[in-house]
Amino acid sequence: MLKEKIKQLSKQYHQEIIDIRRHLHANPELSYAEHKTSAYVQSLLTKLNVPFQNGLADTGVLAIIEGKNPSKKVIALRADMDALPITEENEVSYKSTNEGVMHACGHDAHTASLIGVSKILNEIKDDFEGTVKLIFQPAEEQAPGGASLMIRDGVLENPTPVSVVGQHVHPPLEAGKVGFRPGLAMASADEIRMTIKGKGGHAAVPNKFIDPVLMTSHIIVALQQVVSRRANPTIPSVLSFGKINSVGGFNNVIPDEVKIEGTFRTIDEKWRFEAHKKIKKIAQNVAEAMDGSCEVDIRVGYPCLYNNEALTGRCRAAAVDFLGADKVVDIPLRMGAEDFAYYTQKADCCFYRLGIRNEARGITSNLHTPTFDIDENALETSIGLMSWIALKELES
């Protein structure tokens, strides 16, 4: 039985995939700079005799595994490869050797898993019909997002997949379990950058200057009404500022300008762009009322991520079949964002969550933290389930 064969191969390849994941974890690279990671992935695919194309979005790799009757149906599987500018605090044998860079979002696990899926599907390619495209994507962590660039470079063409499936590690969920959510699953995310300009001077004579620090504080407070007083309460939205930096200035020196950076997230595309206009208007009007000015740069980022209901239902059913109903859960809407959302605009998609938590071993840290790690037992679940989902989707 093919399902049992996949389970056996998952166990057989588990340690190898752990080793690959640890190599990637120890050698992380930032978005748009995944040159060694890409070369490593290509070397692994070469050993498997799996044909691939490189150079998409510069460091992206597209592998193709053809079963019997390859034109019958085409699907795609995706993994991201980039790391984050975080200094790792874990004391493990595979700790990052690239100071200030860390796989703190699990992309090492995603990439290693897709290599595992490549091994399994390549071994059983005589047992299924259709074609599987394997997308090793760079730059998920930084706009404009590697997904948009891979799509630009033709990753969903020649042949065109009818569906794209991706997965992401999920710290709240224990290893061995997976989570699904049909329909709207993740928020959009836009970058907000503002330069608030005034006129600097000595802090002791406030009547002689136009204070951009004070203006900035008023702008940040005023902008909270975009969510609290302007948004429909049924539409979740988040407006947060994470960086404030005065250009010059000291404890008794008022600078000429202040720069701030933030993010706006929501789950409604129409409201998303209405909010952009309100953010600009409020910020500029507050600054002008205080005799200053405000330059607003809103960089449109990732769109909302929408999981096709029918495809997600089939993937969830495949997970229940492969893992058991007790290992499959429903997950809530998340205000985080993912550039996988770009694929959802081009094809039917399913983006599901892979449990990696192990409280007994202290593996509980959240994504994007310096102590993030995974229970590597999850990798056996990952490679087996994604392979099974691919086969079931080719059959559907």
Protein backbone atom coordinates (compact mmCIF):
# COMPACT_ATOMS: atom_id res chain seq x y z
CA MET A 1 0.00 0.00 0.00
CA LEU A 2 1.42 3.38 -1.07
CA LYS A 3 0.56 5.13 2.19
CA GLU A 4 2.52 2.59 4.19
CA LYS A 5 5.41 2.87 1.77
CA ILE A 6 5.52 6.63 2.30
CA LYS A 7 5.47 6.16 6.07
CA GLN A 8 8.32 3.69 5.83
CA LEU A 9 10.36 6.03 3.63
CA SER A 10 9.68 8.91 6.04
CA LYS A 11 11.20 6.89 8.86
CA GLN A 12 14.07 5.79 6.66
CA TYR A 13 14.99 9.32 5.58
CA HIS A 14 14.22 11.03 8.90
CA GLN A 15 17.79 11.24 10.21
CA GLU A 16 19.11 12.43 6.87
CA ILE A 17 16.54 15.24 6.81
CA ILE A 18 17.50 16.16 10.38
CA ASP A 19 21.13 16.41 9.25
CA ILE A 20 20.13 18.61 6.29
CA ARG A 21 18.05 20.82 8.54
CA ARG A 22 20.95 21.20 10.96
CA HIS A 23 23.34 22.11 8.17
CA LEU A 24 20.93 24.79 6.99
CA HIS A 25 20.37 26.02 10.53
CA ALA A 26 24.10 26.38 11.14
CA ASN A 27 24.57 28.28 7.86
CA PRO A 28 21.70 30.78 7.62
CA GLU A 29 21.53 33.51 4.99
CA LEU A 30 19.38 36.62 4.84
CA SER A 31 16.70 37.40 2.26
CA TYR A 32 18.00 37.91 -1.29
CA ALA A 33 21.42 36.54 -0.26
CA GLU A 34 20.71 32.78 -0.07
CA HIS A 35 23.55 31.88 -2.46
CA LYS A 36 25.14 29.07 -0.43
CA THR A 37 21.74 27.75 0.60
CA SER A 38 20.64 27.64 -3.03
CA ALA A 39 23.84 25.89 -4.07
CA TYR A 40 23.37 23.34 -1.27
CA VAL A 41 19.80 22.61 -2.37
CA GLN A 42 20.98 22.20 -5.95
CA SER A 43 23.70 19.78 -4.85
CA LEU A 44 21.14 17.64 -3.03
CA LEU A 45 18.80 17.59 -6.02
CA THR A 46 21.72 16.67 -8.28
CA LYS A 47 22.50 13.66 -6.06
CA LEU A 48 18.88 12.60 -6.40
CA ASN A 49 18.98 13.01 -10.19
CA VAL A 50 16.00 15.32 -9.90
CA PRO A 51 16.01 17.90 -12.72
CA PHE A 52 15.85 21.53 -11.65
CA GLN A 53 16.07 25.10 -12.86
CA ASN A 54 18.01 27.72 -10.92
CA GLY A 55 18.21 31.50 -11.09
CA LEU A 56 14.54 32.26 -10.48
CA ALA A 57 14.43 35.36 -8.28
CA ASP A 58 18.23 35.03 -8.39
CA THR A 59 18.63 32.31 -5.75
CA GLY A 60 15.38 30.38 -6.20
CA VAL A 61 15.31 26.78 -7.41
CA LEU A 62 12.50 24.91 -9.17
CA ALA A 63 12.67 21.11 -9.28
CA ILE A 64 10.29 18.88 -11.21
CA ILE A 65 9.36 15.26 -10.57
CA GLU A 66 7.32 13.57 -13.27
CA GLY A 67 5.28 10.46 -12.65
CA LYS A 68 3.58 8.41 -15.30
CA ASN A 69 1.52 10.45 -17.76
CA PRO A 70 3.12 13.71 -16.51
CA SER A 71 0.67 16.02 -18.27
CA LYS A 72 -2.39 14.51 -16.56
CA LYS A 73 -2.23 16.93 -13.62
CA VAL A 74 0.38 19.36 -12.29
CA ILE A 75 0.65 20.56 -8.69
CA ALA A 76 3.31 22.50 -6.80
CA LEU A 77 4.83 22.33 -3.33
CA ARG A 78 6.68 25.29 -1.80
CA ALA A 79 9.37 25.87 0.83
CA ASP A 80 11.15 29.12 1.75
CA MET A 81 14.90 29.34 2.40
CA ASP A 82 15.84 32.67 4.03
CA ALA A 83 16.76 33.48 7.63
CA LEU A 84 16.40 36.51 9.90
CA PRO A 85 18.77 39.18 11.32
CA ILE A 86 18.68 37.68 14.84
CA THR A 87 21.58 36.51 17.03
CA GLU A 88 20.90 32.95 18.15
CA GLU A 89 20.99 32.20 21.89
CA ASN A 90 20.48 28.44 21.71
CA GLU A 91 23.46 26.36 22.81
CA VAL A 92 23.12 23.47 20.37
CA SER A 93 25.58 21.67 18.11
CA TYR A 94 23.92 23.21 15.05
CA LYS A 95 23.88 26.79 16.37
CA SER A 96 24.21 29.49 13.71
CA THR A 97 27.79 30.11 12.63
CA ASN A 98 26.78 33.31 10.84
CA GLU A 99 26.86 35.94 13.59
CA GLY A 100 23.68 38.00 13.75
CA VAL A 101 21.76 35.72 11.37
CA MET A 102 19.47 32.89 12.46
CA HIS A 103 16.82 30.54 11.14
CA ALA A 104 14.33 31.81 13.71
CA CYS A 105 11.25 31.19 11.56
CA GLY A 106 11.79 27.56 10.63
CA HIS A 107 12.67 28.00 6.98
CA ASP A 108 15.52 25.55 7.48
CA ALA A 109 12.91 22.96 8.44
CA HIS A 110 10.75 23.89 5.46
CA THR A 111 13.63 23.52 3.00
CA ALA A 112 14.88 20.28 4.53
CA SER A 113 11.34 18.92 4.49
CA LEU A 114 10.89 19.66 0.80
CA ILE A 115 14.15 17.85 0.09
CA GLY A 116 12.70 14.90 1.99
CA VAL A 117 9.53 15.08 -0.07
CA SER A 118 11.69 15.20 -3.20
CA LYS A 119 13.42 11.99 -2.12
CA ILE A 120 10.14 10.19 -1.42
CA LEU A 121 8.32 11.31 -4.55
CA ASN A 122 11.33 10.60 -6.74
CA GLU A 123 11.51 7.07 -5.37
CA ILE A 124 7.82 6.34 -5.97
CA LYS A 125 7.38 8.27 -9.23
CA ASP A 126 6.40 5.09 -11.06
CA ASP A 127 3.46 4.72 -8.67
CA PHE A 128 1.63 7.96 -9.51
CA GLU A 129 0.46 9.97 -12.49
CA GLY A 130 1.11 13.65 -13.02
CA THR A 131 3.85 16.16 -12.23
CA VAL A 132 5.00 17.76 -8.99
CA LYS A 133 6.85 21.10 -9.09
CA LEU A 134 9.01 21.74 -6.02
CA ILE A 135 9.55 25.43 -5.31
CA PHE A 136 12.58 26.37 -3.17
CA GLN A 137 11.90 30.06 -2.69
CA PRO A 138 14.12 32.86 -1.37
CA ALA A 139 13.23 36.00 0.56
CA GLU A 140 9.95 35.29 2.30
CA GLU A 141 10.95 37.60 5.14
CA GLN A 142 11.45 40.82 3.21
CA ALA A 143 9.27 42.78 0.80
CA PRO A 144 8.54 42.55 -2.05
CA GLY A 145 8.76 38.86 -1.16
CA GLY A 146 10.45 36.06 -3.05
CA ALA A 147 7.11 34.53 -4.00
CA SER A 148 6.20 37.55 -6.12
CA LEU A 149 9.60 37.41 -7.82
CA MET A 150 9.42 33.66 -8.44
CA ILE A 151 6.00 34.15 -10.01
CA ARG A 152 7.41 36.99 -12.11
CA ASP A 153 10.15 34.65 -13.32
CA GLY A 154 7.68 31.97 -14.38
CA VAL A 155 7.66 29.46 -11.53
CA LEU A 156 3.95 28.81 -12.13
CA GLU A 157 4.31 28.40 -15.88
CA ASN A 158 5.37 25.65 -18.30
CA PRO A 159 3.65 23.64 -16.90
CA THR A 160 1.08 25.53 -14.85
CA PRO A 161 0.08 23.85 -11.58
CA VAL A 162 -3.59 23.70 -10.69
CA SER A 163 -2.74 23.99 -7.00
CA VAL A 164 0.09 25.02 -4.68
CA VAL A 165 0.58 23.59 -1.19
CA GLY A 166 2.87 24.99 1.50
CA GLN A 167 3.47 24.43 5.18
CA HIS A 168 4.87 26.45 8.07
CA VAL A 169 6.16 25.41 11.48
CA HIS A 170 3.81 26.34 14.33
CA PRO A 171 5.24 26.65 17.88
CA PRO A 172 1.87 26.54 19.70
CA LEU A 173 1.14 23.08 18.25
CA GLU A 174 2.92 20.00 19.57
CA ALA A 175 5.10 17.95 17.24
CA GLY A 176 3.20 15.25 15.41
CA LYS A 177 0.14 17.44 14.85
CA VAL A 178 -0.86 19.71 11.98
CA GLY A 179 -3.38 22.53 11.67
CA PHE A 180 -5.62 23.72 8.84
CA ARG A 181 -7.83 26.74 8.16
CA PRO A 182 -9.93 27.06 5.00
CA GLY A 183 -10.69 30.48 3.55
CA LEU A 184 -9.11 33.64 4.92
CA ALA A 185 -6.09 32.50 6.94
CA MET A 186 -3.58 35.35 7.31
CA ALA A 187 -3.55 39.14 7.13
CA SER A 188 -2.02 41.53 4.66
CA ALA A 189 1.08 43.45 5.78
CA ASP A 190 2.27 46.89 4.68
CA GLU A 191 5.31 48.87 5.80
CA ILE A 192 4.82 52.44 7.01
CA ARG A 193 7.72 54.87 7.04
CA MET A 194 7.35 58.50 8.09
CA THR A 195 9.69 61.45 8.33
CA ILE A 196 8.41 64.14 10.69
CA LYS A 197 10.12 67.47 10.09
CA GLY A 198 10.33 70.52 12.35
CA LYS A 199 13.05 72.93 13.40
CA GLY A 200 15.61 71.91 15.98
CA GLY A 201 17.13 73.90 18.80
CA HIS A 202 18.07 74.06 22.46
CA ALA A 203 15.61 72.19 24.66
CA ALA A 204 15.55 75.06 27.17
CA VAL A 205 13.87 77.46 24.72
CA PRO A 206 10.86 75.60 23.29
CA ASN A 207 9.42 78.77 21.79
CA LYS A 208 12.43 78.94 19.46
CA PHE A 209 11.97 75.58 17.74
CA ILE A 210 9.32 73.34 16.16
CA ASP A 211 9.54 70.06 18.01
CA PRO A 212 9.38 66.98 15.71
CA VAL A 213 9.65 64.65 18.74
CA LEU A 214 6.46 66.05 20.20
CA MET A 215 4.83 65.96 16.78
CA THR A 216 5.78 62.31 16.43
CA SER A 217 4.22 61.40 19.75
CA HIS A 218 0.97 63.13 18.79
CA ILE A 219 0.96 61.43 15.39
CA ILE A 220 1.42 57.95 16.87
CA VAL A 221 -1.38 58.49 19.37
CA ALA A 222 -3.69 60.03 16.76
CA LEU A 223 -3.13 57.16 14.35
CA GLN A 224 -4.53 54.67 16.83
CA GLN A 225 -7.98 55.92 15.87
CA VAL A 226 -7.51 54.30 12.44
CA VAL A 227 -8.13 50.97 14.16
CA SER A 228 -10.15 52.03 17.21
CA ARG A 229 -12.50 54.52 15.55
CA ARG A 230 -12.31 54.14 11.77
CA ALA A 231 -12.15 50.37 11.16
CA ASN A 232 -15.24 48.20 11.03
CA PRO A 233 -15.02 46.25 14.32
CA THR A 234 -15.77 43.04 12.43
CA ILE A 235 -12.57 43.49 10.40
CA PRO A 236 -9.45 42.75 12.50
CA SER A 237 -6.73 45.36 11.94
CA VAL A 238 -3.38 46.11 13.54
CA LEU A 239 -1.38 49.35 13.36
CA SER A 240 1.91 49.25 15.24
CA PHE A 241 5.11 51.29 15.23
CA GLY A 242 8.29 49.48 16.17
CA LYS A 243 10.99 52.03 15.44
CA ILE A 244 11.48 55.71 16.33
CA ASN A 245 14.74 57.43 15.50
CA SER A 246 15.60 61.12 15.81
CA VAL A 247 18.04 62.42 13.24
CA GLY A 248 20.49 64.02 15.61
CA GLY A 249 19.20 65.20 18.95
CA PHE A 250 20.36 64.70 22.50
CA ASN A 251 18.86 64.96 25.98
CA ASN A 252 18.85 68.74 25.64
CA VAL A 253 19.01 69.07 21.86
CA ILE A 254 15.82 68.98 19.80
CA PRO A 255 16.49 67.51 16.32
CA ASP A 256 15.21 68.81 13.02
CA GLU A 257 13.42 65.55 12.17
CA VAL A 258 12.32 62.18 13.45
CA LYS A 259 11.85 58.97 11.46
CA ILE A 260 9.42 56.24 12.46
CA GLU A 261 8.62 52.82 11.01
CA GLY A 262 5.60 50.62 11.53
CA THR A 263 3.27 48.06 10.05
CA PHE A 264 -0.40 47.98 9.10
CA ARG A 265 -2.20 44.65 8.85
CA THR A 266 -5.77 43.72 8.08
CA ILE A 267 -7.88 40.97 6.53
CA ASP A 268 -9.91 43.09 4.10
CA GLU A 269 -8.26 44.33 0.90
CA LYS A 270 -10.76 47.18 0.33
CA TRP A 271 -10.35 48.52 3.88
CA ARG A 272 -6.58 48.03 3.60
CA PHE A 273 -6.22 50.76 0.99
CA GLU A 274 -8.82 53.02 2.57
CA ALA A 275 -6.77 52.86 5.76
CA HIS A 276 -3.63 53.90 3.88
CA LYS A 277 -5.34 57.16 2.89
CA LYS A 278 -6.50 57.80 6.46
CA ILE A 279 -3.03 57.13 7.86
CA LYS A 280 -1.49 59.66 5.49
CA LYS A 281 -4.16 62.29 6.09
CA ILE A 282 -4.06 62.07 9.89
CA ALA A 283 -0.25 62.11 10.09
CA GLN A 284 0.13 65.05 7.73
CA ASN A 285 -2.66 67.08 9.32
CA VAL A 286 -1.31 66.61 12.86
CA ALA A 287 2.16 67.69 11.75
CA GLU A 288 0.83 70.73 9.90
CA ALA A 289 -1.30 71.76 12.90
CA MET A 290 1.92 71.86 14.92
CA ASP A 291 3.75 73.91 12.24
CA GLY A 292 5.74 70.98 10.93
CA SER A 293 5.40 68.49 8.11
CA CYS A 294 5.22 64.74 7.69
CA GLU A 295 6.33 62.68 4.71
CA VAL A 296 4.48 59.34 4.58
CA ASP A 297 5.73 56.36 2.59
CA ILE A 298 3.46 53.31 2.70
CA ARG A 299 5.05 50.34 1.00
CA VAL A 300 2.42 47.85 -0.06
CA GLY A 301 3.47 44.43 1.11
CA TYR A 302 1.97 40.96 1.16
CA PRO A 303 -1.75 40.55 0.45
CA CYS A 304 -4.18 38.54 2.56
CA LEU A 305 -3.61 34.79 2.40
CA TYR A 306 -6.65 32.85 1.28
CA ASN A 307 -6.81 29.06 1.42
CA ASN A 308 -9.05 27.54 -1.22
CA GLU A 309 -11.83 25.80 0.71
CA ALA A 310 -12.13 22.72 -1.47
CA LEU A 311 -8.37 22.12 -1.71
CA THR A 312 -7.86 22.74 2.00
CA GLY A 313 -10.68 20.32 2.76
CA ARG A 314 -8.97 17.64 0.66
CA CYS A 315 -5.60 18.31 2.29
CA ARG A 316 -7.14 18.12 5.74
CA ALA A 317 -8.83 14.83 4.86
CA ALA A 318 -5.51 13.49 3.60
CA ALA A 319 -3.89 14.50 6.89
CA VAL A 320 -6.57 12.69 8.90
CA ASP A 321 -6.08 9.62 6.71
CA PHE A 322 -2.29 9.72 7.10
CA LEU A 323 -1.88 10.82 10.72
CA GLY A 324 -5.21 10.11 12.40
CA ALA A 325 -7.99 12.50 13.39
CA ASP A 326 -6.42 13.20 16.79
CA LYS A 327 -3.37 14.70 15.07
CA VAL A 328 -5.28 17.21 12.93
CA VAL A 329 -6.70 20.43 14.35
CA ASP A 330 -8.41 23.59 13.15
CA ILE A 331 -6.43 26.79 13.66
CA PRO A 332 -7.63 30.40 14.00
CA LEU A 333 -7.09 33.36 11.72
CA ARG A 334 -3.64 34.88 12.19
CA MET A 335 -2.64 38.54 11.87
CA GLY A 336 0.81 37.50 10.76
CA ALA A 337 1.55 37.72 7.04
CA GLU A 338 3.18 35.43 4.50
CA ASP A 339 4.27 35.97 0.93
CA PHE A 340 2.75 32.57 0.10
CA ALA A 341 -0.33 34.78 -0.30
CA TYR A 342 0.93 35.72 -3.78
CA TYR A 343 0.52 32.11 -4.90
CA THR A 344 -3.08 32.18 -3.64
CA GLN A 345 -3.79 34.94 -6.17
CA LYS A 346 -2.66 32.72 -9.04
CA ALA A 347 -3.86 29.21 -8.17
CA ASP A 348 -5.88 27.20 -5.68
CA CYS A 349 -3.71 27.02 -2.57
CA CYS A 350 -3.47 25.41 0.86
CA PHE A 351 -1.07 26.69 3.51
CA TYR A 352 -1.14 24.55 6.64
CA ARG A 353 0.73 24.47 9.96
CA LEU A 354 3.21 21.88 11.24
CA GLY A 355 3.43 21.36 14.99
CA ILE A 356 6.96 21.56 16.41
CA ARG A 357 6.40 22.08 20.16
CA ASN A 358 7.87 19.83 22.86
CA GLU A 359 7.32 21.22 26.35
CA ALA A 360 9.17 18.37 28.05
CA ARG A 361 12.33 19.35 26.17
CA GLY A 362 11.75 23.09 26.58
CA ILE A 363 11.06 23.66 22.88
CA THR A 364 8.40 26.33 23.28
CA SER A 365 9.87 29.59 21.95
CA ASN A 366 7.88 31.58 19.44
CA LEU A 367 8.87 32.45 15.89
CA HIS A 368 11.35 35.29 15.36
CA THR A 369 12.98 34.88 18.78
CA PRO A 370 16.66 34.09 19.54
CA THR A 371 15.73 30.86 21.34
CA PHE A 372 13.47 29.44 18.64
CA ASP A 373 13.99 25.77 17.83
CA ILE A 374 11.95 22.78 16.71
CA ASP A 375 11.31 19.24 17.88
CA GLU A 376 12.95 17.47 14.96
CA ASN A 377 10.55 14.53 15.28
CA ALA A 378 8.20 16.86 13.40
CA LEU A 379 10.32 16.38 10.28
CA GLU A 380 9.17 12.79 9.91
CA THR A 381 5.58 13.99 10.05
CA SER A 382 6.39 16.79 7.63
CA ILE A 383 7.97 14.81 4.81
CA GLY A 384 5.49 11.96 5.00
CA LEU A 385 2.36 14.09 5.14
CA MET A 386 3.36 16.49 2.37
CA SER A 387 4.22 13.55 0.12
CA TRP A 388 0.85 11.95 0.86
CA ILE A 389 -1.02 15.22 0.28
CA ALA A 390 0.73 15.57 -3.08
CA LEU A 391 -0.30 12.08 -4.17
CA LYS A 392 -3.89 12.51 -3.04
CA GLU A 393 -4.12 15.83 -4.83
CA LEU A 394 -2.76 14.31 -8.06
CA GLU A 395 -5.44 11.65 -7.77
CA SER A 396 -8.32 14.07 -7.17
